């Protein structure tokens, strides 16, 4: 049985507790043993994190100690999957630049605020996460993110929709869903999820479900192929 840890906290406006319980129900339906925690102390046990198949942060605008952050980085590098959504993952720890490096991007703005109507375009890909899915409409915050060029973009949304100073730059396709690698671990992110209702049904929910499964499969795949994080380790890089 695969094991997952869901840790929630930070800004209450993103409904972290409600979203965490949604994710718990999704994972248990897939046969996971999923624990839900509301304390950052859950990141203290490095060995426990490395034994997991999946970590899901649901934490916005919080802080993390260097020691706890390193435990997460090292667990993912050794195969534990990391997956999450919206500000709960890519606006979790603004002051920690390594977190942005790990997750593949960081939130910077949402022009127009909540209730913006926009289209999410599924990008052609070999990824099973988007196989057979079609473009869909959303009414929510439209996230503008600074994104790692190394990620594999699975869905985008066009900017500008809401007029503001950024509109002077013209059209851009902003990544909404992506994956990336960190050591032998897998990372999945979905920018949707301002509130639980945005991701509790339809294609947004299916994206999260598939993303969780994909990220959690990384450890077993690495073990089967005889890979571990040692091939990427460097004495010159310290957290």
Foldseek 3Di string as FASTA:
>chain_A
DAEEEEEEDADCLLVRVVQSVLVVVLVVVVVYHYYYYHDLCVLVDLVVLLRHLEYEFQAAPDADDPNSVVSNLQSQLFARFYEYEARRQQRHHVVDVVSCVVQFKHFDDFPPAFQQKWKKQFDDDPDPLCPPHGIDIAGTTDTAIDGHPQWAAGIWTWPDPHDDPVCVVPIDTGGAWTWHGRNLFIHIYGNDRSYNVRQSDDSNVSSRSSRRVVRSCSNVVCVVVVGGNPVVDDPVDDD
